[in-house]
Amino acid sequence: MKKEILASSLALALFILPTGVTAAQSHHVQASPSLLFEKYATTDEFSIFATGDLLVDSGDQYVRLKGYDSYDFDFTEEDGNTLRIGYVSKNAPTSVRLYYYPDYENNPNKRVEVATYNATKQNKFTFTKTVASPEYGHYEIFVYSGNGDGGEEYNLRVRGM
């Protein structure tokens, strides 16, 4: 009888322990903020992007050697009626362009440029921009290298509000 209880307890412990560890690790990864946002964004900018559902969160990245990175997302009524774009770079000029696809399912090659923002020395390579009343649908946002070669460190976040 003691062996059965011991075996059952051991099996239960082995089942519960990995599940608990995985959940804790997963939660920790999701909750950890970007180091660039912590270090370079102002308190107001960081608080806007620190919580809530983000449509895009690049994490800390480096622009690829091809000279740009891109992120797709869908903006729906559930996301609000405003897009907020937050960008932080570490002393590197870059350009961020937002495109809207009016009919992505039938014509995925037709896009409309919605906005272009530049991270420069004048804005300390950081900006927060609002796109008021954007169309609902499919979007793509690009981060272009300032020198065309890539390698700039950055973090990009997009949130519906």
Foldseek 3Di string as FASTA:
>chain_A
DVVVVVVVVVVVCVVPVVVVVVVVVVVVVVQDDAPQCVPPPDPVLCVVFNDDDWQDKPHKDWADQQFKDKDKGFADVVQPFKKKKKKGWQQFKKKKWKWDDPCCVVCVPDIDTQDMDIQDVVNPRIDMDMDGRDDGTMMMMMIGGPVSRIGIIMIMIMGRD
